[in-house]
Amino acid sequence: MWIDTHCHLDASEFQGASLDVAQAASVKAVSGIVIPAVHPSNFAVVAELARQRSDCFYALGIHPMYVPTAHEKDLLMLRSAVEQLMSAPGNAGRFVAIGEIGLDFFVPELTQSPLREKQEFFYSEQLKLARDFNLPVLLHVRRSQDTILKYLRRIKVRGGIAHAFNGSEQQAQTFINLGFKLGFGGAMTYTRALQIRRLATQLPLSAIVLETDAPDIAPSWLHPAINSPAELPQIGAVLAELRAMSIETVAAQTSANAFEVLPRMRAV
């Protein structure tokens, strides 16, 4: 059993065949796919995909790269949606986290005022939402680990996943100490990704989850083609090889890690 903890299954690159993409992954023993939203415009879409497939789950949040066009009313819309889900019969179990949220300091214009401040405001407000409802968060941490961590120290959440992690060992350990798992995705499959592969090898396996970020971050054997959740078992096999472990051990432990950090997945 494999769990893809980060897959944009609703992306336009899948040309309306998202359900077929999920089915192709299930044939390869991918038994769970978490679909993060990026903006209120796709909240309903990710929820509907999760409703249609028993192996799909979803998160709601405003991605930092969508913050430039977002408004404060979108935060109110997000809070209202989460409040309804958390009070619904059965607690709307296919909804598992707040995400994708975070900070992006890779895109130059997003690092300049006033967009940097707007990013930080949206990030902090969504952390507060996660704290208020005791939900984990799916974090976008591109070149922003230290600032991400600064806010996590101020606004205590129940943990989550630092997605597409590419920071230092010290930063990795700080995330782990705060209750987070780390996802490396397809980047881990490139031999030139020395720091990522070192972390994937040396950190406790209990701190690692698997992800594809499909349709993005295609693994080495697929680049530059479109990524898909069906690639997850082979990504997991790379992790097993790096750690000199059996594929079965890696599959079982990373799946257990996903259930631990996203406990609402267990309730379904």
C-alpha atoms as a PDB file:
ATOM      1  CA  MET A   1       0.000   0.000   0.000  1.00  0.00           C
ATOM      2  CA  TRP A   2       1.248   3.441  -0.957  1.00  0.00           C
ATOM      3  CA  ILE A   3      -0.152   6.870  -0.065  1.00  0.00           C
ATOM      4  CA  ASP A   4       0.439   9.958  -2.186  1.00  0.00           C
ATOM      5  CA  THR A   5       0.194  12.764   0.355  1.00  0.00           C
ATOM      6  CA  HIS A   6       0.307  15.566  -2.224  1.00  0.00           C
ATOM      7  CA  CYS A   7      -1.220  15.322  -5.687  1.00  0.00           C
ATOM      8  CA  HIS A   8      -3.022  18.070  -7.635  1.00  0.00           C
ATOM      9  CA  LEU A   9      -5.388  15.585  -9.231  1.00  0.00           C
ATOM     10  CA  ASP A  10      -7.674  18.367 -10.438  1.00  0.00           C
ATOM     11  CA  ALA A  11      -4.948  20.032 -12.543  1.00  0.00           C
ATOM     12  CA  SER A  12      -5.726  20.992 -16.133  1.00  0.00           C
ATOM     13  CA  GLU A  13      -2.765  18.910 -17.330  1.00  0.00           C
ATOM     14  CA  PHE A  14      -4.874  15.807 -16.733  1.00  0.00           C
ATOM     15  CA  GLN A  15      -7.334  17.075 -19.354  1.00  0.00           C
ATOM     16  CA  GLY A  16     -10.458  16.128 -17.453  1.00  0.00           C
ATOM     17  CA  ALA A  17      -9.317  12.538 -16.915  1.00  0.00           C
ATOM     18  CA  SER A  18      -8.540  12.882 -13.209  1.00  0.00           C
ATOM     19  CA  LEU A  19     -10.605   9.865 -12.210  1.00  0.00           C
ATOM     20  CA  ASP A  20      -8.840   7.724 -14.788  1.00  0.00           C
ATOM     21  CA  VAL A  21      -5.483   8.959 -13.463  1.00  0.00           C
ATOM     22  CA  ALA A  22      -6.486   7.943  -9.944  1.00  0.00           C
ATOM     23  CA  GLN A  23      -7.653   4.559 -11.177  1.00  0.00           C
ATOM     24  CA  ALA A  24      -4.335   3.954 -12.954  1.00  0.00           C
ATOM     25  CA  ALA A  25      -2.558   4.698  -9.677  1.00  0.00           C
ATOM     26  CA  SER A  26      -4.803   2.316  -7.727  1.00  0.00           C
ATOM     27  CA  VAL A  27      -3.825  -0.499 -10.094  1.00  0.00           C
ATOM     28  CA  LYS A  28      -0.256   0.072  -8.884  1.00  0.00           C
ATOM     29  CA  ALA A  29      -1.323  -0.210  -5.218  1.00  0.00           C
ATOM     30  CA  VAL A  30      -1.613   3.517  -4.527  1.00  0.00           C
ATOM     31  CA  SER A  31      -4.437   3.256  -2.029  1.00  0.00           C
ATOM     32  CA  GLY A  32      -4.622   6.889  -0.913  1.00  0.00           C
ATOM     33  CA  ILE A  33      -4.294  10.245  -2.680  1.00  0.00           C
ATOM     34  CA  VAL A  34      -4.488  13.609  -0.897  1.00  0.00           C
ATOM     35  CA  ILE A  35      -5.621  16.467  -3.146  1.00  0.00           C
ATOM     36  CA  PRO A  36      -4.781  19.949  -1.833  1.00  0.00           C
ATOM     37  CA  ALA A  37      -6.753  22.958  -2.982  1.00  0.00           C
ATOM     38  CA  VAL A  38      -4.941  26.130  -4.012  1.00  0.00           C
ATOM     39  CA  HIS A  39      -7.709  28.766  -4.159  1.00  0.00           C
ATOM     40  CA  PRO A  40     -11.440  29.020  -3.359  1.00  0.00           C
ATOM     41  CA  SER A  41     -12.128  28.517  -7.061  1.00  0.00           C
ATOM     42  CA  ASN A  42     -11.114  24.857  -6.777  1.00  0.00           C
ATOM     43  CA  PHE A  43     -12.453  24.038  -3.304  1.00  0.00           C
ATOM     44  CA  ALA A  44     -15.556  22.360  -4.730  1.00  0.00           C
ATOM     45  CA  VAL A  45     -13.563  20.538  -7.403  1.00  0.00           C
ATOM     46  CA  VAL A  46     -11.158  18.793  -5.014  1.00  0.00           C
ATOM     47  CA  ALA A  47     -14.027  17.922  -2.671  1.00  0.00           C
ATOM     48  CA  GLU A  48     -15.981  16.365  -5.535  1.00  0.00           C
ATOM     49  CA  LEU A  49     -13.016  14.274  -6.669  1.00  0.00           C
ATOM     50  CA  ALA A  50     -12.665  12.938  -3.139  1.00  0.00           C
ATOM     51  CA  ARG A  51     -16.385  12.209  -2.999  1.00  0.00           C
ATOM     52  CA  GLN A  52     -16.227  10.186  -6.209  1.00  0.00           C
ATOM     53  CA  ARG A  53     -13.330   7.934  -5.183  1.00  0.00           C
ATOM     54  CA  SER A  54     -12.951   6.141  -1.872  1.00  0.00           C
ATOM     55  CA  ASP A  55      -9.150   6.371  -2.129  1.00  0.00           C
ATOM     56  CA  CYS A  56      -9.086  10.169  -2.460  1.00  0.00           C
ATOM     57  CA  PHE A  57      -8.984  12.776   0.304  1.00  0.00           C
ATOM     58  CA  TYR A  58      -8.670  16.545   0.173  1.00  0.00           C
ATOM     59  CA  ALA A  59      -7.376  19.653   1.896  1.00  0.00           C
ATOM     60  CA  LEU A  60      -8.561  23.251   1.621  1.00  0.00           C
ATOM     61  CA  GLY A  61      -6.260  26.248   1.541  1.00  0.00           C
ATOM     62  CA  ILE A  62      -4.926  29.221  -0.404  1.00  0.00           C
ATOM     63  CA  HIS A  63      -1.552  28.521  -2.017  1.00  0.00           C
ATOM     64  CA  PRO A  64       1.069  31.296  -1.713  1.00  0.00           C
ATOM     65  CA  MET A  65       1.342  31.613  -5.484  1.00  0.00           C
ATOM     66  CA  TYR A  66      -2.381  32.406  -5.603  1.00  0.00           C
ATOM     67  CA  VAL A  67      -2.151  34.985  -2.845  1.00  0.00           C
ATOM     68  CA  PRO A  68      -1.530  37.917  -5.256  1.00  0.00           C
ATOM     69  CA  THR A  69      -5.089  37.587  -6.597  1.00  0.00           C
ATOM     70  CA  ALA A  70      -6.683  36.563  -3.289  1.00  0.00           C
ATOM     71  CA  HIS A  71      -8.749  38.783  -1.014  1.00  0.00           C
ATOM     72  CA  GLU A  72      -9.425  38.741   2.710  1.00  0.00           C
ATOM     73  CA  LYS A  73     -12.970  37.587   1.952  1.00  0.00           C
ATOM     74  CA  ASP A  74     -11.399  34.376   0.619  1.00  0.00           C
ATOM     75  CA  LEU A  75     -10.066  33.678   4.100  1.00  0.00           C
ATOM     76  CA  LEU A  76     -13.579  34.122   5.464  1.00  0.00           C
ATOM     77  CA  MET A  77     -14.865  31.753   2.796  1.00  0.00           C
ATOM     78  CA  LEU A  78     -12.236  29.192   3.785  1.00  0.00           C
ATOM     79  CA  ARG A  79     -13.094  29.458   7.467  1.00  0.00           C
ATOM     80  CA  SER A  80     -16.789  29.082   6.716  1.00  0.00           C
ATOM     81  CA  ALA A  81     -16.159  25.999   4.568  1.00  0.00           C
ATOM     82  CA  VAL A  82     -14.007  24.372   7.247  1.00  0.00           C
ATOM     83  CA  GLU A  83     -16.512  25.203   9.971  1.00  0.00           C
ATOM     84  CA  GLN A  84     -19.290  23.521   8.001  1.00  0.00           C
ATOM     85  CA  LEU A  85     -17.168  20.441   7.301  1.00  0.00           C
ATOM     86  CA  MET A  86     -16.118  20.038  10.913  1.00  0.00           C
ATOM     87  CA  SER A  87     -19.696  20.270  12.156  1.00  0.00           C
ATOM     88  CA  ALA A  88     -21.164  17.994   9.478  1.00  0.00           C
ATOM     89  CA  PRO A  89     -22.522  14.531  10.311  1.00  0.00           C
ATOM     90  CA  GLY A  90     -19.642  12.088  10.307  1.00  0.00           C
ATOM     91  CA  ASN A  91     -17.286  15.078  10.456  1.00  0.00           C
ATOM     92  CA  ALA A  92     -16.894  15.030   6.632  1.00  0.00           C
ATOM     93  CA  GLY A  93     -13.966  12.638   6.946  1.00  0.00           C
ATOM     94  CA  ARG A  94     -12.630  12.943   3.408  1.00  0.00           C
ATOM     95  CA  PHE A  95     -11.468  16.439   4.389  1.00  0.00           C
ATOM     96  CA  VAL A  96      -8.130  15.946   6.152  1.00  0.00           C
ATOM     97  CA  ALA A  97      -6.092  19.173   6.391  1.00  0.00           C
ATOM     98  CA  ILE A  98      -5.594  22.853   5.690  1.00  0.00           C
ATOM     99  CA  GLY A  99      -3.518  23.195   2.552  1.00  0.00           C
ATOM    100  CA  GLU A 100      -1.782  23.920   0.396  1.00  0.00           C
ATOM    101  CA  ILE A 101      -0.583  26.926   2.350  1.00  0.00           C
ATOM    102  CA  GLY A 102       2.805  28.455   3.112  1.00  0.00           C
ATOM    103  CA  LEU A 103       5.340  30.844   1.615  1.00  0.00           C
ATOM    104  CA  ASP A 104       7.145  30.985  -1.724  1.00  0.00           C
ATOM    105  CA  PHE A 105      10.371  33.003  -1.792  1.00  0.00           C
ATOM    106  CA  PHE A 106      11.587  31.484  -5.072  1.00  0.00           C
ATOM    107  CA  VAL A 107       9.505  33.661  -7.400  1.00  0.00           C
ATOM    108  CA  PRO A 108      11.212  37.095  -7.257  1.00  0.00           C
ATOM    109  CA  GLU A 109       8.077  39.241  -7.354  1.00  0.00           C
ATOM    110  CA  LEU A 110       6.593  37.330  -4.428  1.00  0.00           C
ATOM    111  CA  THR A 111       9.527  38.351  -2.245  1.00  0.00           C
ATOM    112  CA  GLN A 112       8.988  42.073  -2.818  1.00  0.00           C
ATOM    113  CA  SER A 113       6.733  44.375  -0.834  1.00  0.00           C
ATOM    114  CA  PRO A 114       3.732  44.331  -0.644  1.00  0.00           C
ATOM    115  CA  LEU A 115       3.391  40.714  -1.869  1.00  0.00           C
ATOM    116  CA  ARG A 116       5.779  39.296   0.704  1.00  0.00           C
ATOM    117  CA  GLU A 117       3.763  40.832   3.517  1.00  0.00           C
ATOM    118  CA  LYS A 118       0.528  39.635   1.914  1.00  0.00           C
ATOM    119  CA  GLN A 119       1.935  36.107   1.675  1.00  0.00           C
ATOM    120  CA  GLU A 120       2.869  36.140   5.340  1.00  0.00           C
ATOM    121  CA  PHE A 121      -0.548  37.468   6.331  1.00  0.00           C
ATOM    122  CA  PHE A 122      -2.421  34.752   4.421  1.00  0.00           C
ATOM    123  CA  TYR A 123      -0.071  32.098   5.789  1.00  0.00           C
ATOM    124  CA  SER A 124      -0.465  33.203   9.400  1.00  0.00           C
ATOM    125  CA  GLU A 125      -4.247  33.494   9.114  1.00  0.00           C
ATOM    126  CA  GLN A 126      -4.501  29.985   7.716  1.00  0.00           C
ATOM    127  CA  LEU A 127      -2.272  28.651  10.487  1.00  0.00           C
ATOM    128  CA  LYS A 128      -4.687  30.213  12.975  1.00  0.00           C
ATOM    129  CA  LEU A 129      -7.553  28.465  11.223  1.00  0.00           C
ATOM    130  CA  ALA A 130      -5.744  25.125  11.457  1.00  0.00           C
ATOM    131  CA  ARG A 131      -5.020  25.783  15.134  1.00  0.00           C
ATOM    132  CA  ASP A 132      -8.636  26.699  15.869  1.00  0.00           C
ATOM    133  CA  PHE A 133      -9.933  23.445  14.361  1.00  0.00           C
ATOM    134  CA  ASN A 134      -6.997  21.262  15.442  1.00  0.00           C
ATOM    135  CA  LEU A 135      -6.168  20.349  11.854  1.00  0.00           C
ATOM    136  CA  PRO A 136      -2.778  19.518  10.291  1.00  0.00           C
ATOM    137  CA  VAL A 137      -1.375  21.697   7.511  1.00  0.00           C
ATOM    138  CA  LEU A 138       0.170  20.908   4.133  1.00  0.00           C
ATOM    139  CA  LEU A 139       3.014  23.389   3.742  1.00  0.00           C
ATOM    140  CA  HIS A 140       4.614  24.917   0.652  1.00  0.00           C
ATOM    141  CA  VAL A 141       8.123  25.819   1.845  1.00  0.00           C
ATOM    142  CA  ARG A 142      10.038  26.853  -1.277  1.00  0.00           C
ATOM    143  CA  ARG A 143      13.117  28.801  -0.118  1.00  0.00           C
ATOM    144  CA  SER A 144      11.136  29.926   2.915  1.00  0.00           C
ATOM    145  CA  GLN A 145      11.835  27.341   5.606  1.00  0.00           C
ATOM    146  CA  ASP A 146      13.102  29.715   8.278  1.00  0.00           C
ATOM    147  CA  THR A 147      10.171  32.121   7.958  1.00  0.00           C
ATOM    148  CA  ILE A 148       7.735  29.207   7.816  1.00  0.00           C
ATOM    149  CA  LEU A 149       9.232  27.918  11.060  1.00  0.00           C
ATOM    150  CA  LYS A 150       9.113  31.353  12.692  1.00  0.00           C
ATOM    151  CA  TYR A 151       5.336  31.387  12.316  1.00  0.00           C
ATOM    152  CA  LEU A 152       4.976  27.758  13.404  1.00  0.00           C
ATOM    153  CA  ARG A 153       6.686  28.644  16.679  1.00  0.00           C
ATOM    154  CA  ARG A 154       4.220  31.504  17.207  1.00  0.00           C
ATOM    155  CA  ILE A 155       1.050  29.745  16.063  1.00  0.00           C
ATOM    156  CA  LYS A 156       0.933  26.213  17.406  1.00  0.00           C
ATOM    157  CA  VAL A 157      -0.710  23.699  15.090  1.00  0.00           C
ATOM    158  CA  ARG A 158      -0.991  19.939  15.404  1.00  0.00           C
ATOM    159  CA  GLY A 159       1.685  19.345  12.769  1.00  0.00           C
ATOM    160  CA  GLY A 160       1.402  18.377   9.143  1.00  0.00           C
ATOM    161  CA  ILE A 161       3.655  17.895   6.149  1.00  0.00           C
ATOM    162  CA  ALA A 162       6.469  20.087   4.832  1.00  0.00           C
ATOM    163  CA  HIS A 163       5.906  19.348   1.161  1.00  0.00           C
ATOM    164  CA  ALA A 164       8.750  19.259  -1.397  1.00  0.00           C
ATOM    165  CA  PHE A 165      11.266  19.803   1.378  1.00  0.00           C
ATOM    166  CA  ASN A 166      14.679  21.023   0.268  1.00  0.00           C
ATOM    167  CA  GLY A 167      16.184  22.570   3.368  1.00  0.00           C
ATOM    168  CA  SER A 168      19.001  21.830   5.766  1.00  0.00           C
ATOM    169  CA  GLU A 169      19.260  19.000   8.257  1.00  0.00           C
ATOM    170  CA  GLN A 170      18.773  21.479  11.096  1.00  0.00           C
ATOM    171  CA  GLN A 171      15.612  22.848   9.499  1.00  0.00           C
ATOM    172  CA  ALA A 172      14.381  19.304   8.865  1.00  0.00           C
ATOM    173  CA  GLN A 173      14.893  18.396  12.513  1.00  0.00           C
ATOM    174  CA  THR A 174      13.039  21.509  13.638  1.00  0.00           C
ATOM    175  CA  PHE A 175      10.026  20.588  11.501  1.00  0.00           C
ATOM    176  CA  ILE A 176      10.122  17.062  12.908  1.00  0.00           C
ATOM    177  CA  ASN A 177      10.285  18.381  16.484  1.00  0.00           C
ATOM    178  CA  LEU A 178       7.173  20.471  15.744  1.00  0.00           C
ATOM    179  CA  GLY A 179       5.234  17.381  14.697  1.00  0.00           C
ATOM    180  CA  PHE A 180       5.783  17.493  10.952  1.00  0.00           C
ATOM    181  CA  LYS A 181       6.626  14.841   8.395  1.00  0.00           C
ATOM    182  CA  LEU A 182       8.721  15.677   5.340  1.00  0.00           C
ATOM    183  CA  GLY A 183       7.917  14.935   1.709  1.00  0.00           C
ATOM    184  CA  PHE A 184      10.646  14.890  -0.956  1.00  0.00           C
ATOM    185  CA  GLY A 185       8.690  13.622  -3.948  1.00  0.00           C
ATOM    186  CA  GLY A 186      10.237  13.051  -7.337  1.00  0.00           C
ATOM    187  CA  ALA A 187      13.143  15.392  -6.576  1.00  0.00           C
ATOM    188  CA  MET A 188      14.618  12.567  -4.501  1.00  0.00           C
ATOM    189  CA  THR A 189      15.060  10.458  -7.662  1.00  0.00           C
ATOM    190  CA  TYR A 190      17.710  12.731  -9.209  1.00  0.00           C
ATOM    191  CA  THR A 191      21.294  11.744  -8.448  1.00  0.00           C
ATOM    192  CA  ARG A 192      22.329  15.409  -8.457  1.00  0.00           C
ATOM    193  CA  ALA A 193      19.880  16.180  -5.591  1.00  0.00           C
ATOM    194  CA  LEU A 194      22.593  15.409  -3.060  1.00  0.00           C
ATOM    195  CA  GLN A 195      21.117  17.197  -0.030  1.00  0.00           C
ATOM    196  CA  ILE A 196      17.628  15.790  -0.539  1.00  0.00           C
ATOM    197  CA  ARG A 197      18.982  12.269  -0.985  1.00  0.00           C
ATOM    198  CA  ARG A 198      21.173  12.654   2.086  1.00  0.00           C
ATOM    199  CA  LEU A 199      18.189  13.671   4.191  1.00  0.00           C
ATOM    200  CA  ALA A 200      16.049  10.898   2.721  1.00  0.00           C
ATOM    201  CA  THR A 201      18.750   8.431   3.716  1.00  0.00           C
ATOM    202  CA  GLN A 202      19.693   9.711   7.166  1.00  0.00           C
ATOM    203  CA  LEU A 203      16.493  11.050   8.730  1.00  0.00           C
ATOM    204  CA  PRO A 204      14.312   8.593  10.635  1.00  0.00           C
ATOM    205  CA  LEU A 205      11.984   6.788   8.244  1.00  0.00           C
ATOM    206  CA  SER A 206       9.205   7.660  10.698  1.00  0.00           C
ATOM    207  CA  ALA A 207       9.611  11.306   9.628  1.00  0.00           C
ATOM    208  CA  ILE A 208       9.103  10.759   5.881  1.00  0.00           C
ATOM    209  CA  VAL A 209       5.986  10.599   3.734  1.00  0.00           C
ATOM    210  CA  LEU A 210       5.746   9.997   0.005  1.00  0.00           C
ATOM    211  CA  GLU A 211       4.265  12.402  -2.517  1.00  0.00           C
ATOM    212  CA  THR A 212       4.276  13.120  -6.234  1.00  0.00           C
ATOM    213  CA  ASP A 213       3.058  16.751  -6.475  1.00  0.00           C
ATOM    214  CA  ALA A 214       1.602  15.524  -9.780  1.00  0.00           C
ATOM    215  CA  PRO A 215       1.410  16.849 -12.425  1.00  0.00           C
ATOM    216  CA  ASP A 216       4.584  18.670 -11.319  1.00  0.00           C
ATOM    217  CA  ILE A 217       8.041  17.528 -10.123  1.00  0.00           C
ATOM    218  CA  ALA A 218       8.258  14.535 -12.443  1.00  0.00           C
ATOM    219  CA  PRO A 219      10.766  11.890 -11.313  1.00  0.00           C
ATOM    220  CA  SER A 220      14.004  11.427 -13.231  1.00  0.00           C
ATOM    221  CA  TRP A 221      12.705   8.646 -15.488  1.00  0.00           C
ATOM    222  CA  LEU A 222       9.693  10.720 -16.551  1.00  0.00           C
ATOM    223  CA  HIS A 223      11.090  14.244 -16.894  1.00  0.00           C
ATOM    224  CA  PRO A 224       9.965  16.395 -18.665  1.00  0.00           C
ATOM    225  CA  ALA A 225       6.654  14.565 -19.076  1.00  0.00           C
ATOM    226  CA  ILE A 226       3.617  15.088 -16.847  1.00  0.00           C
ATOM    227  CA  ASN A 227       3.871  13.418 -13.471  1.00  0.00           C
ATOM    228  CA  SER A 228       1.086  11.223 -12.075  1.00  0.00           C
ATOM    229  CA  PRO A 229       0.298   9.393  -8.818  1.00  0.00           C
ATOM    230  CA  ALA A 230       0.991   6.095 -10.586  1.00  0.00           C
ATOM    231  CA  GLU A 231       4.705   6.985 -10.294  1.00  0.00           C
ATOM    232  CA  LEU A 232       4.577   6.846  -6.490  1.00  0.00           C
ATOM    233  CA  PRO A 233       5.597   3.186  -6.056  1.00  0.00           C
ATOM    234  CA  GLN A 234       8.728   3.723  -8.135  1.00  0.00           C
ATOM    235  CA  ILE A 235       9.542   6.867  -6.131  1.00  0.00           C
ATOM    236  CA  GLY A 236       9.098   4.739  -3.013  1.00  0.00           C
ATOM    237  CA  ALA A 237      11.431   2.129  -4.498  1.00  0.00           C
ATOM    238  CA  VAL A 238      14.114   4.817  -4.862  1.00  0.00           C
ATOM    239  CA  LEU A 239      13.723   5.670  -1.174  1.00  0.00           C
ATOM    240  CA  ALA A 240      14.028   1.970  -0.309  1.00  0.00           C
ATOM    241  CA  GLU A 241      17.223   1.708  -2.370  1.00  0.00           C
ATOM    242  CA  LEU A 242      18.732   4.806  -0.752  1.00  0.00           C
ATOM    243  CA  ARG A 243      18.055   3.409   2.699  1.00  0.00           C
ATOM    244  CA  ALA A 244      18.961  -0.202   1.834  1.00  0.00           C
ATOM    245  CA  MET A 245      15.528  -1.348   2.984  1.00  0.00           C
ATOM    246  CA  SER A 246      12.873  -3.542   1.469  1.00  0.00           C
ATOM    247  CA  ILE A 247      10.205  -1.866  -0.622  1.00  0.00           C
ATOM    248  CA  GLU A 248       7.579  -3.481   1.603  1.00  0.00           C
ATOM    249  CA  THR A 249       9.058  -1.861   4.720  1.00  0.00           C
ATOM    250  CA  VAL A 250       9.149   1.570   3.110  1.00  0.00           C
ATOM    251  CA  ALA A 251       5.595   1.239   1.806  1.00  0.00           C
ATOM    252  CA  ALA A 252       4.259   0.179   5.189  1.00  0.00           C
ATOM    253  CA  GLN A 253       6.126   2.790   7.241  1.00  0.00           C
ATOM    254  CA  THR A 254       5.483   5.778   4.965  1.00  0.00           C
ATOM    255  CA  SER A 255       1.791   4.856   4.815  1.00  0.00           C
ATOM    256  CA  ALA A 256       1.672   4.614   8.605  1.00  0.00           C
ATOM    257  CA  ASN A 257       3.366   8.017   8.766  1.00  0.00           C
ATOM    258  CA  ALA A 258       0.696   9.502   6.498  1.00  0.00           C
ATOM    259  CA  PHE A 259      -2.085   8.142   8.703  1.00  0.00           C
ATOM    260  CA  GLU A 260      -0.323   9.461  11.793  1.00  0.00           C
ATOM    261  CA  VAL A 261       0.059  12.999  10.519  1.00  0.00           C
ATOM    262  CA  LEU A 262      -3.330  13.090   8.741  1.00  0.00           C
ATOM    263  CA  PRO A 263      -5.447  11.213  11.297  1.00  0.00           C
ATOM    264  CA  ARG A 264      -8.772  12.016   9.635  1.00  0.00           C
ATOM    265  CA  MET A 265      -7.784   9.583   6.869  1.00  0.00           C
ATOM    266  CA  ARG A 266      -8.149   6.761   9.387  1.00  0.00           C
ATOM    267  CA  ALA A 267     -11.711   7.691  10.243  1.00  0.00           C
ATOM    268  CA  VAL A 268     -13.103   7.012   6.777  1.00  0.00           C
END
